């Protein structure tokens, strides 16, 4: 049974991102995977890393549980809207507070960093309101994707990261959204069957 953790970075539980998350979860479970769900916007934690790395802040219970779910997973699905070419503030705060030295990575003086999430695979699903994939890639050089994929997940050891861009949603009608959810069901089936090496 594949162990998958789905992480929704949208602060609004009524968002299309939530519909994506629940559609993916249902399909992955139907395909035989065990799935855990992290809705960052519904978590209770301070997103401000007040002291940087100078002084460790006590992790709230919701952050501890989320980290347990991430370490438990074999595959992670990160879903978020593209706001100002990046992730929502609460999602960035989640990384600032939870992805700490000794928890998701280990710094080696003078040497490469050890990712403590090594061996896990990932998928990033990004939604955009008024931005097309061409403009995102050609004009903005996929800035938000670079931050999440390379700057955070790969840095912490997650590999084989697939990217799925959805948008511009402002041009979509209800049928477009239904077709999108059906596509994501297929991706969940692929993820459930994929064997990492």
C-alpha atoms as a PDB file:
ATOM      1  CA  UNK A   1       0.000   0.000   0.000  1.00  0.00           C
ATOM      2  CA  UNK A   2       1.448   3.354  -1.061  1.00  0.00           C
ATOM      3  CA  UNK A   3       1.708   5.970   1.694  1.00  0.00           C
ATOM      4  CA  UNK A   4       0.739   9.389   0.332  1.00  0.00           C
ATOM      5  CA  UNK A   5       0.471  12.702   2.164  1.00  0.00           C
ATOM      6  CA  UNK A   6      -1.517  15.432   0.419  1.00  0.00           C
ATOM      7  CA  UNK A   7      -0.740  18.994   1.499  1.00  0.00           C
ATOM      8  CA  UNK A   8      -3.126  21.841   0.647  1.00  0.00           C
ATOM      9  CA  UNK A   9      -1.498  25.267   0.939  1.00  0.00           C
ATOM     10  CA  UNK A  10      -4.601  27.345   0.213  1.00  0.00           C
ATOM     11  CA  UNK A  11      -5.917  29.141   3.324  1.00  0.00           C
ATOM     12  CA  UNK A  12      -9.573  28.849   2.205  1.00  0.00           C
ATOM     13  CA  UNK A  13     -11.109  25.393   2.713  1.00  0.00           C
ATOM     14  CA  UNK A  14     -13.810  26.263   0.138  1.00  0.00           C
ATOM     15  CA  UNK A  15     -11.239  26.895  -2.614  1.00  0.00           C
ATOM     16  CA  UNK A  16     -10.760  24.946  -5.841  1.00  0.00           C
ATOM     17  CA  UNK A  17      -7.458  23.792  -4.335  1.00  0.00           C
ATOM     18  CA  UNK A  18      -9.475  21.956  -1.682  1.00  0.00           C
ATOM     19  CA  UNK A  19     -11.612  20.336  -4.385  1.00  0.00           C
ATOM     20  CA  UNK A  20      -8.401  19.235  -6.108  1.00  0.00           C
ATOM     21  CA  UNK A  21      -7.043  17.794  -2.854  1.00  0.00           C
ATOM     22  CA  UNK A  22     -10.190  15.837  -2.031  1.00  0.00           C
ATOM     23  CA  UNK A  23     -10.572  14.537  -5.589  1.00  0.00           C
ATOM     24  CA  UNK A  24      -6.965  13.355  -5.574  1.00  0.00           C
ATOM     25  CA  UNK A  25      -7.345  11.746  -2.125  1.00  0.00           C
ATOM     26  CA  UNK A  26     -10.490   9.848  -3.114  1.00  0.00           C
ATOM     27  CA  UNK A  27      -8.876   8.512  -6.281  1.00  0.00           C
ATOM     28  CA  UNK A  28      -5.650   7.536  -4.519  1.00  0.00           C
ATOM     29  CA  UNK A  29      -7.607   5.672  -1.841  1.00  0.00           C
ATOM     30  CA  UNK A  30      -9.676   3.935  -4.515  1.00  0.00           C
ATOM     31  CA  UNK A  31      -6.395   2.870  -6.121  1.00  0.00           C
ATOM     32  CA  UNK A  32      -5.272   1.264  -2.867  1.00  0.00           C
ATOM     33  CA  UNK A  33      -3.109   3.972  -1.316  1.00  0.00           C
ATOM     34  CA  UNK A  34      -3.190   5.030   2.318  1.00  0.00           C
ATOM     35  CA  UNK A  35      -3.553   8.815   2.386  1.00  0.00           C
ATOM     36  CA  UNK A  36      -3.057  11.478   5.045  1.00  0.00           C
ATOM     37  CA  UNK A  37      -4.163  15.077   4.565  1.00  0.00           C
ATOM     38  CA  UNK A  38      -2.601  18.326   5.754  1.00  0.00           C
ATOM     39  CA  UNK A  39      -4.725  21.460   5.267  1.00  0.00           C
ATOM     40  CA  UNK A  40      -2.251  24.183   6.191  1.00  0.00           C
ATOM     41  CA  UNK A  41      -4.916  26.885   6.336  1.00  0.00           C
ATOM     42  CA  UNK A  42      -6.800  24.960   9.037  1.00  0.00           C
ATOM     43  CA  UNK A  43      -3.747  24.402  11.238  1.00  0.00           C
ATOM     44  CA  UNK A  44      -3.154  26.321  14.463  1.00  0.00           C
ATOM     45  CA  UNK A  45       0.413  27.651  14.523  1.00  0.00           C
ATOM     46  CA  UNK A  46       2.395  30.891  14.434  1.00  0.00           C
ATOM     47  CA  UNK A  47       3.737  31.217  10.854  1.00  0.00           C
ATOM     48  CA  UNK A  48       6.384  33.749  11.894  1.00  0.00           C
ATOM     49  CA  UNK A  49       9.862  32.309  12.502  1.00  0.00           C
ATOM     50  CA  UNK A  50      10.418  35.053  15.035  1.00  0.00           C
ATOM     51  CA  UNK A  51      14.070  34.411  15.905  1.00  0.00           C
ATOM     52  CA  UNK A  52      15.311  32.876  12.675  1.00  0.00           C
ATOM     53  CA  UNK A  53      17.654  30.024  13.537  1.00  0.00           C
ATOM     54  CA  UNK A  54      19.161  31.879  16.507  1.00  0.00           C
ATOM     55  CA  UNK A  55      16.594  30.510  18.943  1.00  0.00           C
ATOM     56  CA  UNK A  56      14.334  27.505  18.438  1.00  0.00           C
ATOM     57  CA  UNK A  57      10.605  28.113  18.864  1.00  0.00           C
ATOM     58  CA  UNK A  58       8.465  25.398  20.429  1.00  0.00           C
ATOM     59  CA  UNK A  59       6.605  23.470  17.718  1.00  0.00           C
ATOM     60  CA  UNK A  60       2.837  23.580  18.073  1.00  0.00           C
ATOM     61  CA  UNK A  61       0.968  20.220  18.104  1.00  0.00           C
ATOM     62  CA  UNK A  62      -0.373  20.790  14.567  1.00  0.00           C
ATOM     63  CA  UNK A  63       3.167  21.247  13.229  1.00  0.00           C
ATOM     64  CA  UNK A  64       4.377  18.126  15.049  1.00  0.00           C
ATOM     65  CA  UNK A  65       1.505  16.088  13.550  1.00  0.00           C
ATOM     66  CA  UNK A  66       2.168  17.477  10.063  1.00  0.00           C
ATOM     67  CA  UNK A  67       5.852  16.587  10.296  1.00  0.00           C
ATOM     68  CA  UNK A  68       4.923  13.069  11.395  1.00  0.00           C
ATOM     69  CA  UNK A  69       2.683  12.746   8.326  1.00  0.00           C
ATOM     70  CA  UNK A  70       5.441  14.019   6.020  1.00  0.00           C
ATOM     71  CA  UNK A  71       8.077  11.674   7.422  1.00  0.00           C
ATOM     72  CA  UNK A  72       5.562   8.796   7.251  1.00  0.00           C
ATOM     73  CA  UNK A  73       4.847   9.387   3.572  1.00  0.00           C
ATOM     74  CA  UNK A  74       6.475   7.726   0.592  1.00  0.00           C
ATOM     75  CA  UNK A  75       4.951  10.286  -1.791  1.00  0.00           C
ATOM     76  CA  UNK A  76       3.910  13.896  -1.187  1.00  0.00           C
ATOM     77  CA  UNK A  77       1.447  15.988  -3.189  1.00  0.00           C
ATOM     78  CA  UNK A  78       1.801  19.744  -2.657  1.00  0.00           C
ATOM     79  CA  UNK A  79      -1.179  21.807  -3.861  1.00  0.00           C
ATOM     80  CA  UNK A  80      -1.191  25.599  -3.780  1.00  0.00           C
ATOM     81  CA  UNK A  81      -2.405  28.697  -5.626  1.00  0.00           C
ATOM     82  CA  UNK A  82       0.093  31.017  -7.249  1.00  0.00           C
ATOM     83  CA  UNK A  83      -0.110  34.376  -5.453  1.00  0.00           C
ATOM     84  CA  UNK A  84       2.378  37.070  -6.428  1.00  0.00           C
ATOM     85  CA  UNK A  85       4.341  34.345  -8.274  1.00  0.00           C
ATOM     86  CA  UNK A  86       4.723  32.294  -5.099  1.00  0.00           C
ATOM     87  CA  UNK A  87       2.870  30.365  -2.425  1.00  0.00           C
ATOM     88  CA  UNK A  88       0.406  31.909   0.086  1.00  0.00           C
ATOM     89  CA  UNK A  89       1.933  33.422   3.215  1.00  0.00           C
ATOM     90  CA  UNK A  90       0.583  30.714   5.529  1.00  0.00           C
ATOM     91  CA  UNK A  91       2.231  28.016   3.400  1.00  0.00           C
ATOM     92  CA  UNK A  92       5.555  29.856   3.426  1.00  0.00           C
ATOM     93  CA  UNK A  93       5.169  30.209   7.200  1.00  0.00           C
ATOM     94  CA  UNK A  94       4.614  26.468   7.440  1.00  0.00           C
ATOM     95  CA  UNK A  95       7.962  25.833   5.771  1.00  0.00           C
ATOM     96  CA  UNK A  96       9.686  28.505   7.871  1.00  0.00           C
ATOM     97  CA  UNK A  97       8.421  26.973  11.118  1.00  0.00           C
ATOM     98  CA  UNK A  98       8.450  23.240  10.360  1.00  0.00           C
ATOM     99  CA  UNK A  99      11.271  22.647   7.867  1.00  0.00           C
ATOM    100  CA  UNK A 100      14.098  23.181  10.323  1.00  0.00           C
ATOM    101  CA  UNK A 101      17.673  21.931  10.688  1.00  0.00           C
ATOM    102  CA  UNK A 102      17.656  18.480  12.217  1.00  0.00           C
ATOM    103  CA  UNK A 103      14.020  17.931  11.197  1.00  0.00           C
ATOM    104  CA  UNK A 104      13.936  18.041   7.381  1.00  0.00           C
ATOM    105  CA  UNK A 105      17.597  18.721   6.570  1.00  0.00           C
ATOM    106  CA  UNK A 106      21.024  18.558   8.153  1.00  0.00           C
ATOM    107  CA  UNK A 107      23.688  21.131   7.390  1.00  0.00           C
ATOM    108  CA  UNK A 108      27.264  19.890   7.147  1.00  0.00           C
ATOM    109  CA  UNK A 109      29.976  22.498   7.598  1.00  0.00           C
ATOM    110  CA  UNK A 110      31.873  22.799   4.358  1.00  0.00           C
ATOM    111  CA  UNK A 111      29.922  19.957   2.758  1.00  0.00           C
ATOM    112  CA  UNK A 112      26.603  19.274   1.035  1.00  0.00           C
ATOM    113  CA  UNK A 113      23.371  19.354   2.991  1.00  0.00           C
ATOM    114  CA  UNK A 114      21.721  16.050   3.912  1.00  0.00           C
ATOM    115  CA  UNK A 115      18.027  15.964   3.075  1.00  0.00           C
ATOM    116  CA  UNK A 116      16.191  14.142   5.847  1.00  0.00           C
ATOM    117  CA  UNK A 117      13.200  13.476   3.557  1.00  0.00           C
ATOM    118  CA  UNK A 118      15.396  11.430   1.246  1.00  0.00           C
ATOM    119  CA  UNK A 119      13.723   8.536  -0.547  1.00  0.00           C
ATOM    120  CA  UNK A 120      10.371  10.289  -0.878  1.00  0.00           C
ATOM    121  CA  UNK A 121       8.847  11.330  -4.190  1.00  0.00           C
ATOM    122  CA  UNK A 122       6.659  14.328  -4.844  1.00  0.00           C
ATOM    123  CA  UNK A 123       4.163  16.071  -7.075  1.00  0.00           C
ATOM    124  CA  UNK A 124       3.462  19.810  -7.170  1.00  0.00           C
ATOM    125  CA  UNK A 125       0.058  21.028  -8.357  1.00  0.00           C
ATOM    126  CA  UNK A 126      -0.071  24.793  -8.872  1.00  0.00           C
ATOM    127  CA  UNK A 127      -3.196  26.789  -9.720  1.00  0.00           C
ATOM    128  CA  UNK A 128      -3.147  30.251 -11.270  1.00  0.00           C
ATOM    129  CA  UNK A 129      -5.996  32.720 -11.671  1.00  0.00           C
ATOM    130  CA  UNK A 130      -4.939  34.899 -14.594  1.00  0.00           C
ATOM    131  CA  UNK A 131      -1.544  33.502 -15.572  1.00  0.00           C
ATOM    132  CA  UNK A 132      -0.874  31.032 -18.370  1.00  0.00           C
ATOM    133  CA  UNK A 133       1.830  28.386 -18.225  1.00  0.00           C
ATOM    134  CA  UNK A 134       3.680  30.024 -21.140  1.00  0.00           C
ATOM    135  CA  UNK A 135       3.881  33.386 -19.387  1.00  0.00           C
ATOM    136  CA  UNK A 136       4.804  31.744 -16.088  1.00  0.00           C
ATOM    137  CA  UNK A 137       7.681  29.866 -17.718  1.00  0.00           C
ATOM    138  CA  UNK A 138       8.887  32.384 -20.302  1.00  0.00           C
ATOM    139  CA  UNK A 139       8.425  35.699 -18.505  1.00  0.00           C
ATOM    140  CA  UNK A 140       8.676  34.742 -14.844  1.00  0.00           C
ATOM    141  CA  UNK A 141      10.985  31.708 -15.212  1.00  0.00           C
ATOM    142  CA  UNK A 142       8.659  29.577 -13.039  1.00  0.00           C
ATOM    143  CA  UNK A 143       9.840  31.477  -9.959  1.00  0.00           C
ATOM    144  CA  UNK A 144       7.394  29.935  -7.490  1.00  0.00           C
ATOM    145  CA  UNK A 145       8.101  26.432  -8.765  1.00  0.00           C
ATOM    146  CA  UNK A 146      11.856  26.933  -8.421  1.00  0.00           C
ATOM    147  CA  UNK A 147      11.391  28.017  -4.808  1.00  0.00           C
ATOM    148  CA  UNK A 148       9.213  25.051  -3.826  1.00  0.00           C
ATOM    149  CA  UNK A 149      10.765  22.323  -5.976  1.00  0.00           C
ATOM    150  CA  UNK A 150      14.467  23.103  -5.781  1.00  0.00           C
ATOM    151  CA  UNK A 151      14.783  25.517  -2.886  1.00  0.00           C
ATOM    152  CA  UNK A 152      12.705  23.502  -0.419  1.00  0.00           C
ATOM    153  CA  UNK A 153      11.673  19.961  -1.402  1.00  0.00           C
ATOM    154  CA  UNK A 154      14.761  18.800  -3.286  1.00  0.00           C
ATOM    155  CA  UNK A 155      16.957  20.548  -0.735  1.00  0.00           C
ATOM    156  CA  UNK A 156      15.291  18.393   1.929  1.00  0.00           C
ATOM    157  CA  UNK A 157      15.693  15.191  -0.081  1.00  0.00           C
ATOM    158  CA  UNK A 158      12.374  14.778  -1.913  1.00  0.00           C
ATOM    159  CA  UNK A 159      13.032  13.552  -5.462  1.00  0.00           C
ATOM    160  CA  UNK A 160      11.270  12.631  -8.706  1.00  0.00           C
ATOM    161  CA  UNK A 161       9.073  15.690  -8.407  1.00  0.00           C
ATOM    162  CA  UNK A 162       6.407  16.021 -11.107  1.00  0.00           C
ATOM    163  CA  UNK A 163       4.854  19.437 -11.775  1.00  0.00           C
ATOM    164  CA  UNK A 164       1.285  20.115 -12.853  1.00  0.00           C
ATOM    165  CA  UNK A 165       0.216  23.709 -13.666  1.00  0.00           C
ATOM    166  CA  UNK A 166      -3.513  24.555 -13.762  1.00  0.00           C
ATOM    167  CA  UNK A 167      -4.741  27.818 -15.209  1.00  0.00           C
ATOM    168  CA  UNK A 168      -5.689  30.483 -15.972  1.00  0.00           C
ATOM    169  CA  UNK A 169      -8.723  29.626 -13.849  1.00  0.00           C
ATOM    170  CA  UNK A 170     -10.437  32.969 -14.486  1.00  0.00           C
ATOM    171  CA  UNK A 171     -11.144  31.751 -18.013  1.00  0.00           C
ATOM    172  CA  UNK A 172     -12.634  28.421 -16.899  1.00  0.00           C
ATOM    173  CA  UNK A 173     -16.252  27.379 -16.547  1.00  0.00           C
ATOM    174  CA  UNK A 174     -17.680  24.526 -14.489  1.00  0.00           C
ATOM    175  CA  UNK A 175     -17.063  21.969 -17.238  1.00  0.00           C
ATOM    176  CA  UNK A 176     -13.392  22.965 -17.388  1.00  0.00           C
ATOM    177  CA  UNK A 177     -13.073  22.402 -13.655  1.00  0.00           C
ATOM    178  CA  UNK A 178     -14.731  18.982 -13.877  1.00  0.00           C
ATOM    179  CA  UNK A 179     -12.353  17.952 -16.669  1.00  0.00           C
ATOM    180  CA  UNK A 180      -9.428  19.113 -14.550  1.00  0.00           C
ATOM    181  CA  UNK A 181     -10.562  17.046 -11.561  1.00  0.00           C
ATOM    182  CA  UNK A 182     -10.902  13.979 -13.790  1.00  0.00           C
ATOM    183  CA  UNK A 183      -7.327  14.494 -14.993  1.00  0.00           C
ATOM    184  CA  UNK A 184      -6.126  14.699 -11.418  1.00  0.00           C
ATOM    185  CA  UNK A 185      -7.897  11.437 -10.608  1.00  0.00           C
ATOM    186  CA  UNK A 186      -5.734   9.820 -13.270  1.00  0.00           C
ATOM    187  CA  UNK A 187      -2.600  11.369 -11.732  1.00  0.00           C
ATOM    188  CA  UNK A 188      -3.578   9.894  -8.352  1.00  0.00           C
ATOM    189  CA  UNK A 189      -3.818   6.459  -9.946  1.00  0.00           C
ATOM    190  CA  UNK A 190      -0.371   6.914 -11.511  1.00  0.00           C
ATOM    191  CA  UNK A 191       1.125   8.047  -8.199  1.00  0.00           C
ATOM    192  CA  UNK A 192      -0.432   5.112  -6.371  1.00  0.00           C
ATOM    193  CA  UNK A 193       1.128   2.651  -8.808  1.00  0.00           C
ATOM    194  CA  UNK A 194       4.554   4.318  -9.056  1.00  0.00           C
ATOM    195  CA  UNK A 195       7.401   2.450  -7.382  1.00  0.00           C
ATOM    196  CA  UNK A 196      10.247   4.697  -6.211  1.00  0.00           C
ATOM    197  CA  UNK A 197      13.807   3.406  -6.508  1.00  0.00           C
END
